[in-house]
Amino acid sequence: MSTASVPLPNWINYGLIPLLNLIVAFLISGFVVWLIGESPLAALSLLIEGAFGSGEGIGFTLYYATSFIFTGLSVAVAIHAGLFNIGSEGQAYVGGLGCALVALALDNYMPWYVTMPIAVIGAGIFGAAWAFIPAFLQAKRGSHIVITTIMFNYIAAALMVYLLVHVLIVPGKMAPETRTFLEGGQLPKLGWIMTAFGAKLGAAPFNVSFIIALLAAWFVWILIWRTKLGFEMRTLGVSSTAAAYAGIPYARIVIIAMLLSGALAGMMALNPVMGSSARLQVEFVGGAGFVGIAVSLMGRNHPLGIIFAAILFGVLYQGGDWISFEMPNITREMILVIQGLVILFAGALEYMFRPAMVHLYQQFVRA
């Protein structure tokens, strides 16, 4: 019998196997660091120091993690329905347009706590709208969702550059960006959390969107595991034949799943657009949509796992910047290699240790 069909306890599936993958990724990363003449232990120490050594470092780590939670949830919702949404990057980009238009329209008239929920809706609607055409093509025409969502990433990038250069740019300025939002269009920082632990947030843009991300994770958990729609999505994801036999409408579930996925990706824009820079800029997504794929896979497509995986990648981003500053021999490109190794073992090779775990577990049960 194939090891893929052998059930394992959740603590092995969602705890031990991802941990082993992560350890192997860091061991190989340490070997690469050693090859260029630096100490792997010193690099690891700097990674932890940069990510957690100060209130400002923790703030930056959680700021990066916030974006990854949104995009990780976006990918996970689609995967549960048997869809591989590669378009979270473009959907987040267009979602930024939605929340920016709300902020530009209301920041002079409303306080942030009134603007924020409308901006969440705007970002979600724009992100969902950008996911609709690939979803429709998949559901009605059989076009592969991976191909169409990749194409729409490039279309989104071109569209946003055009809008920022020719439509939304501040007259008389060269920078392709909107005007800076007034206070009513900015999400406040969560410095009080750091203060409660005796630390200072400093310049870190850790903001209210982190709380929105946690609420989104809770919503996804309710949706996938506690609703009829979630059951239909998971059934379709496991077997389209079984779903059809059960009377689950394929086209409707595909479109709904992709709309939800696109909406979650669009909400990611709240973090950098309204929480960090307080304006819409070119390339504000910064690859978070693609990192979300690794975050979802490493978190086993479960909201709680996604939160922890997002924090891990936040550590890699913030701690990696600290390493490249303190160890000049370890460049930003080297940090990308380390991130790539984590993605490799957590994503493409996520089940590398499963056959061995199945064998050991069966031996333990028999004993």
Protein backbone atom coordinates (compact mmCIF):
# COMPACT_ATOMS: atom_id res chain seq x y z
CA MET A 1 0.00 0.00 0.00
CA SER A 2 1.27 3.50 -0.84
CA THR A 3 2.56 5.50 2.12
CA ALA A 4 0.51 8.48 0.93
CA SER A 5 -2.69 6.67 1.92
CA VAL A 6 -1.48 5.62 5.39
CA PRO A 7 -3.04 7.88 8.06
CA LEU A 8 -0.67 9.49 10.55
CA PRO A 9 -1.46 11.43 13.73
CA ASN A 10 -1.82 15.18 13.33
CA TRP A 11 1.24 15.82 15.49
CA ILE A 12 3.33 13.98 12.88
CA ASN A 13 1.61 15.41 9.79
CA TYR A 14 1.40 19.01 10.99
CA GLY A 15 4.24 19.13 13.51
CA LEU A 16 7.07 16.64 13.14
CA ILE A 17 7.33 16.43 9.33
CA PRO A 18 7.34 20.23 8.75
CA LEU A 19 9.88 20.57 11.58
CA LEU A 20 12.17 17.99 9.97
CA ASN A 21 11.88 19.77 6.62
CA LEU A 22 12.77 23.06 8.27
CA ILE A 23 15.77 21.56 10.10
CA VAL A 24 17.15 20.06 6.88
CA ALA A 25 16.69 23.39 5.07
CA PHE A 26 18.61 25.22 7.78
CA LEU A 27 21.34 22.56 7.88
CA ILE A 28 21.95 22.91 4.15
CA SER A 29 21.77 26.71 4.48
CA GLY A 30 24.39 26.48 7.24
CA PHE A 31 26.61 24.45 4.95
CA VAL A 32 26.32 27.14 2.27
CA VAL A 33 27.20 29.82 4.84
CA TRP A 34 30.21 27.75 5.94
CA LEU A 35 31.40 27.42 2.31
CA ILE A 36 31.69 31.20 1.97
CA GLY A 37 33.78 31.38 5.13
CA GLU A 38 31.26 32.48 7.75
CA SER A 39 30.09 30.74 10.91
CA PRO A 40 26.64 29.09 10.53
CA LEU A 41 26.01 29.41 14.28
CA ALA A 42 26.88 33.11 14.21
CA ALA A 43 24.56 33.60 11.23
CA LEU A 44 21.75 31.79 13.04
CA SER A 45 22.33 33.91 16.12
CA LEU A 46 22.14 37.08 14.04
CA LEU A 47 18.97 35.81 12.35
CA ILE A 48 17.25 35.38 15.70
CA GLU A 49 18.68 38.63 17.07
CA GLY A 50 17.49 40.61 14.06
CA ALA A 51 13.99 39.13 14.20
CA PHE A 52 13.39 39.04 17.95
CA GLY A 53 16.21 40.98 19.59
CA SER A 54 14.28 44.23 19.94
CA GLY A 55 10.75 45.59 19.84
CA GLU A 56 11.49 47.15 16.48
CA GLY A 57 12.78 43.83 15.11
CA ILE A 58 9.69 41.99 16.34
CA GLY A 59 7.53 44.71 14.79
CA PHE A 60 9.16 44.28 11.38
CA THR A 61 8.90 40.48 11.66
CA LEU A 62 5.17 40.66 12.37
CA TYR A 63 4.71 43.31 9.68
CA TYR A 64 6.11 40.93 7.04
CA ALA A 65 4.16 38.03 8.55
CA THR A 66 0.90 39.97 8.21
CA SER A 67 1.20 40.13 4.43
CA PHE A 68 2.14 36.44 4.27
CA ILE A 69 -0.86 35.42 6.38
CA PHE A 70 -3.24 37.03 3.89
CA THR A 71 -1.59 35.53 0.81
CA GLY A 72 -1.11 32.15 2.51
CA LEU A 73 -4.82 32.03 3.33
CA SER A 74 -5.60 33.02 -0.24
CA VAL A 75 -3.63 30.08 -1.64
CA ALA A 76 -5.03 27.67 0.98
CA VAL A 77 -8.69 28.43 0.22
CA ALA A 78 -8.13 27.67 -3.45
CA ILE A 79 -6.16 24.49 -2.70
CA HIS A 80 -8.98 23.13 -0.54
CA ALA A 81 -11.19 23.36 -3.63
CA GLY A 82 -8.59 21.59 -5.77
CA LEU A 83 -7.33 24.81 -7.38
CA PHE A 84 -3.78 26.14 -7.45
CA ASN A 85 -4.08 29.92 -7.43
CA ILE A 86 -0.75 31.37 -8.57
CA GLY A 87 -2.37 34.78 -8.98
CA SER A 88 -2.33 36.07 -5.41
CA GLU A 89 0.42 38.51 -6.40
CA GLY A 90 -1.72 40.19 -9.04
CA GLN A 91 -4.88 39.99 -6.95
CA ALA A 92 -3.10 41.72 -4.06
CA TYR A 93 -1.83 44.36 -6.49
CA VAL A 94 -5.33 45.16 -7.74
CA GLY A 95 -6.66 44.92 -4.18
CA GLY A 96 -4.30 47.77 -3.36
CA LEU A 97 -6.14 49.89 -5.89
CA GLY A 98 -9.42 49.13 -4.12
CA CYS A 99 -8.26 50.13 -0.65
CA ALA A 100 -6.32 53.15 -2.00
CA LEU A 101 -9.40 54.55 -3.74
CA VAL A 102 -11.35 54.24 -0.49
CA ALA A 103 -8.59 55.96 1.48
CA LEU A 104 -8.26 58.76 -1.07
CA ALA A 105 -12.01 59.34 -1.03
CA LEU A 106 -12.62 59.23 2.72
CA ASP A 107 -9.39 60.17 4.50
CA ASN A 108 -10.37 63.83 4.72
CA TYR A 109 -13.85 63.13 6.08
CA MET A 110 -13.76 59.98 8.19
CA PRO A 111 -11.61 58.66 11.05
CA TRP A 112 -9.49 55.59 10.32
CA TYR A 113 -11.83 53.20 12.12
CA VAL A 114 -14.62 54.15 9.72
CA THR A 115 -12.40 54.14 6.64
CA MET A 116 -10.82 50.79 7.54
CA PRO A 117 -13.84 48.44 7.18
CA ILE A 118 -14.80 50.11 3.90
CA ALA A 119 -11.20 49.74 2.69
CA VAL A 120 -11.25 46.05 3.68
CA ILE A 121 -14.38 45.59 1.56
CA GLY A 122 -12.88 47.59 -1.31
CA ALA A 123 -9.63 45.61 -1.30
CA GLY A 124 -11.57 42.34 -1.11
CA ILE A 125 -13.91 43.25 -3.96
CA PHE A 126 -11.10 44.36 -6.26
CA GLY A 127 -9.01 41.27 -5.47
CA ALA A 128 -12.02 39.00 -6.03
CA ALA A 129 -12.86 40.76 -9.29
CA TRP A 130 -9.34 40.11 -10.58
CA ALA A 131 -9.74 36.42 -9.73
CA PHE A 132 -13.15 36.15 -11.38
CA ILE A 133 -12.07 35.85 -15.03
CA PRO A 134 -9.54 33.02 -14.39
CA ALA A 135 -12.20 31.33 -12.24
CA PHE A 136 -14.83 31.66 -14.97
CA LEU A 137 -12.45 30.34 -17.63
CA GLN A 138 -11.60 27.35 -15.42
CA ALA A 139 -15.22 26.62 -14.53
CA LYS A 140 -16.84 27.16 -17.92
CA ARG A 141 -14.08 26.69 -20.50
CA GLY A 142 -11.64 24.32 -18.81
CA SER A 143 -8.71 26.77 -19.01
CA HIS A 144 -6.01 25.79 -16.55
CA ILE A 145 -6.15 28.03 -13.48
CA VAL A 146 -2.36 28.07 -13.09
CA ILE A 147 -1.80 29.45 -16.59
CA THR A 148 -4.53 32.08 -16.45
CA THR A 149 -3.61 33.37 -12.98
CA ILE A 150 0.06 33.69 -13.97
CA MET A 151 -1.00 35.70 -17.03
CA PHE A 152 -3.20 37.93 -14.88
CA ASN A 153 -0.24 38.69 -12.60
CA TYR A 154 1.52 40.34 -15.53
CA ILE A 155 -1.63 42.11 -16.68
CA ALA A 156 -2.16 43.47 -13.14
CA ALA A 157 1.40 44.78 -13.00
CA ALA A 158 1.03 46.55 -16.36
CA LEU A 159 -2.39 47.95 -15.43
CA MET A 160 -1.20 49.32 -12.09
CA VAL A 161 1.89 50.95 -13.63
CA TYR A 162 -0.33 52.67 -16.20
CA LEU A 163 -2.77 53.92 -13.55
CA LEU A 164 -0.03 55.19 -11.26
CA VAL A 165 1.90 56.90 -14.06
CA HIS A 166 -1.02 58.40 -15.99
CA VAL A 167 -4.07 58.58 -13.70
CA LEU A 168 -3.33 58.50 -9.97
CA ILE A 169 0.06 60.24 -9.94
CA VAL A 170 0.34 63.51 -8.03
CA PRO A 171 0.48 66.34 -10.60
CA GLY A 172 3.98 67.77 -10.90
CA LYS A 173 5.74 64.79 -9.30
CA MET A 174 7.91 62.17 -10.98
CA ALA A 175 7.31 59.31 -8.54
CA PRO A 176 4.57 56.92 -9.79
CA GLU A 177 2.46 56.95 -6.64
CA THR A 178 -0.66 58.50 -5.18
CA ARG A 179 -0.66 61.32 -2.71
CA THR A 180 0.00 60.44 0.91
CA PHE A 181 -3.20 59.54 2.72
CA LEU A 182 -4.35 61.80 5.51
CA GLU A 183 -4.73 60.42 9.02
CA GLY A 184 -8.22 59.14 8.26
CA GLY A 185 -6.78 56.83 5.61
CA GLN A 186 -3.92 55.40 7.66
CA LEU A 187 -3.99 52.30 9.86
CA PRO A 188 -2.51 53.03 13.29
CA LYS A 189 0.51 51.14 14.55
CA LEU A 190 0.25 48.55 17.32
CA GLY A 191 2.94 50.10 19.46
CA TRP A 192 0.87 49.51 22.58
CA ILE A 193 1.47 45.78 22.23
CA MET A 194 5.24 46.31 22.43
CA THR A 195 4.81 48.77 25.28
CA ALA A 196 2.86 46.15 27.23
CA PHE A 197 5.97 43.91 27.05
CA GLY A 198 8.38 46.70 27.91
CA ALA A 199 9.67 47.20 24.36
CA LYS A 200 9.45 49.98 21.79
CA LEU A 201 8.10 49.54 18.27
CA GLY A 202 10.40 52.18 16.83
CA ALA A 203 10.18 52.63 13.07
CA ALA A 204 8.53 49.26 12.44
CA PRO A 205 5.24 49.60 10.49
CA PHE A 206 3.46 46.89 12.51
CA ASN A 207 -0.17 47.97 12.32
CA VAL A 208 -3.85 47.09 12.79
CA SER A 209 -3.91 44.94 9.64
CA PHE A 210 -2.22 42.21 11.72
CA ILE A 211 -5.42 41.90 13.75
CA ILE A 212 -7.45 41.83 10.52
CA ALA A 213 -5.20 39.01 9.27
CA LEU A 214 -5.84 36.98 12.42
CA LEU A 215 -9.58 37.52 12.04
CA ALA A 216 -9.30 36.42 8.40
CA ALA A 217 -7.55 33.23 9.54
CA TRP A 218 -10.38 32.55 12.00
CA PHE A 219 -12.93 33.19 9.24
CA VAL A 220 -11.18 30.73 6.90
CA TRP A 221 -11.15 28.07 9.64
CA ILE A 222 -14.89 28.52 10.18
CA LEU A 223 -15.55 28.52 6.44
CA ILE A 224 -13.55 25.43 5.53
CA TRP A 225 -14.33 23.18 8.50
CA ARG A 226 -17.65 24.41 9.88
CA THR A 227 -19.85 25.27 6.89
CA LYS A 228 -21.62 23.41 4.11
CA LEU A 229 -19.76 25.47 1.52
CA GLY A 230 -16.45 24.47 3.09
CA PHE A 231 -17.44 20.81 2.99
CA GLU A 232 -18.35 21.13 -0.69
CA MET A 233 -15.02 22.81 -1.42
CA ARG A 234 -13.05 20.11 0.38
CA THR A 235 -15.03 17.38 -1.37
CA LEU A 236 -14.28 18.93 -4.75
CA GLY A 237 -10.64 19.25 -3.78
CA VAL A 238 -10.38 15.57 -2.87
CA SER A 239 -12.32 14.18 -5.84
CA SER A 240 -14.20 16.02 -8.54
CA THR A 241 -15.90 12.73 -9.47
CA ALA A 242 -17.19 12.22 -5.94
CA ALA A 243 -18.33 15.85 -5.83
CA ALA A 244 -20.27 15.44 -9.07
CA TYR A 245 -21.82 12.18 -7.79
CA ALA A 246 -22.91 14.03 -4.63
CA GLY A 247 -24.56 16.74 -6.69
CA ILE A 248 -22.04 19.47 -5.83
CA PRO A 249 -22.04 22.03 -8.69
CA TYR A 250 -18.49 22.21 -10.03
CA ALA A 251 -18.67 25.63 -11.69
CA ARG A 252 -20.28 27.36 -8.69
CA ILE A 253 -17.75 26.02 -6.19
CA VAL A 254 -14.78 26.87 -8.43
CA ILE A 255 -15.96 30.44 -8.90
CA ILE A 256 -16.82 30.98 -5.22
CA ALA A 257 -13.51 29.49 -4.05
CA MET A 258 -11.52 31.70 -6.41
CA LEU A 259 -13.50 34.81 -5.46
CA LEU A 260 -12.76 34.14 -1.77
CA SER A 261 -9.12 33.45 -2.60
CA GLY A 262 -8.82 36.67 -4.58
CA ALA A 263 -10.53 38.68 -1.84
CA LEU A 264 -8.08 37.42 0.80
CA ALA A 265 -5.15 38.25 -1.48
CA GLY A 266 -6.58 41.72 -2.09
CA MET A 267 -6.82 42.38 1.64
CA MET A 268 -3.05 41.90 1.89
CA ALA A 269 -2.74 45.40 0.40
CA LEU A 270 -4.07 46.95 3.62
CA ASN A 271 -0.75 46.22 5.31
CA PRO A 272 1.68 48.05 2.99
CA VAL A 273 -0.71 50.57 1.41
CA MET A 274 -2.64 51.91 4.41
CA GLY A 275 -0.43 50.60 7.20
CA SER A 276 3.12 51.25 6.06
CA SER A 277 3.58 53.77 3.25
CA ALA A 278 0.14 55.46 3.46
CA ARG A 279 0.00 55.67 -0.32
CA LEU A 280 -0.25 53.38 -3.34
CA GLN A 281 3.12 52.72 -4.98
CA VAL A 282 4.53 50.56 -7.75
CA GLU A 283 5.49 47.01 -6.71
CA PHE A 284 4.19 47.39 -3.16
CA VAL A 285 3.33 43.66 -3.03
CA GLY A 286 7.02 42.77 -3.23
CA GLY A 287 6.57 39.07 -3.98
CA ALA A 288 4.30 38.37 -1.00
CA GLY A 289 1.82 36.62 -3.28
CA PHE A 290 4.42 34.06 -4.31
CA VAL A 291 5.70 33.62 -0.75
CA GLY A 292 2.11 32.88 0.21
CA ILE A 293 2.33 29.66 -1.81
CA ALA A 294 5.20 28.40 0.35
CA VAL A 295 3.48 29.65 3.51
CA SER A 296 0.30 27.75 2.66
CA LEU A 297 2.15 24.54 1.79
CA MET A 298 4.33 24.70 4.89
CA GLY A 299 1.28 25.40 7.04
CA ARG A 300 -0.49 22.39 5.51
CA ASN A 301 -3.23 24.74 4.25
CA HIS A 302 -4.54 25.16 7.80
CA PRO A 303 -5.02 28.71 9.16
CA LEU A 304 -3.07 28.04 12.36
CA GLY A 305 -0.20 26.46 10.44
CA ILE A 306 -0.26 29.38 8.01
CA ILE A 307 0.12 31.88 10.88
CA PHE A 308 3.21 30.08 12.20
CA ALA A 309 4.66 29.63 8.70
CA ALA A 310 4.07 33.34 7.95
CA ILE A 311 5.94 34.30 11.13
CA LEU A 312 8.80 32.01 10.07
CA PHE A 313 9.08 33.80 6.74
CA GLY A 314 8.82 37.11 8.57
CA VAL A 315 11.83 35.97 10.60
CA LEU A 316 13.70 35.10 7.39
CA TYR A 317 12.95 38.51 5.90
CA GLN A 318 13.76 40.64 8.93
CA GLY A 319 16.54 38.46 10.32
CA GLY A 320 17.98 38.08 6.82
CA ASP A 321 18.28 41.84 6.47
CA TRP A 322 20.08 41.95 9.80
CA ILE A 323 22.48 39.19 8.75
CA SER A 324 23.37 40.94 5.48
CA PHE A 325 24.07 44.12 7.46
CA GLU A 326 26.23 42.48 10.13
CA MET A 327 27.89 39.91 7.82
CA PRO A 328 28.71 41.67 4.52
CA ASN A 329 29.88 38.38 2.97
CA ILE A 330 26.30 37.12 3.24
CA THR A 331 24.56 39.23 0.64
CA ARG A 332 20.85 39.69 0.07
CA GLU A 333 21.13 37.10 -2.69
CA MET A 334 22.43 34.59 -0.13
CA ILE A 335 19.41 35.27 2.03
CA LEU A 336 17.21 34.51 -0.98
CA VAL A 337 19.05 31.18 -1.31
CA ILE A 338 18.18 30.34 2.30
CA GLN A 339 14.55 31.33 1.72
CA GLY A 340 14.54 29.23 -1.43
CA LEU A 341 15.81 26.19 0.47
CA VAL A 342 13.03 26.57 3.02
CA ILE A 343 10.51 26.81 0.19
CA LEU A 344 12.07 23.76 -1.52
CA PHE A 345 11.87 21.50 1.51
CA ALA A 346 8.60 22.89 2.87
CA GLY A 347 6.89 22.92 -0.51
CA ALA A 348 8.23 20.73 -3.31
CA LEU A 349 9.73 18.17 -0.92
CA GLU A 350 7.15 18.49 1.87
CA TYR A 351 6.51 14.71 1.93
CA MET A 352 10.16 13.66 1.65
CA PHE A 353 10.20 12.23 5.17
CA ARG A 354 6.68 10.80 5.10
CA PRO A 355 7.64 7.23 3.98
CA ALA A 356 10.17 7.00 6.82
CA MET A 357 7.65 8.40 9.30
CA VAL A 358 5.03 5.89 8.15
CA HIS A 359 7.50 3.02 8.58
CA LEU A 360 8.58 4.15 12.05
CA TYR A 361 5.00 4.79 13.15
CA GLN A 362 3.85 1.37 11.97
CA GLN A 363 6.75 -0.26 13.80
CA PHE A 364 5.84 1.67 16.96
CA VAL A 365 2.14 0.68 16.71
CA ARG A 366 3.01 -2.99 16.20
CA ALA A 367 5.36 -2.92 19.17
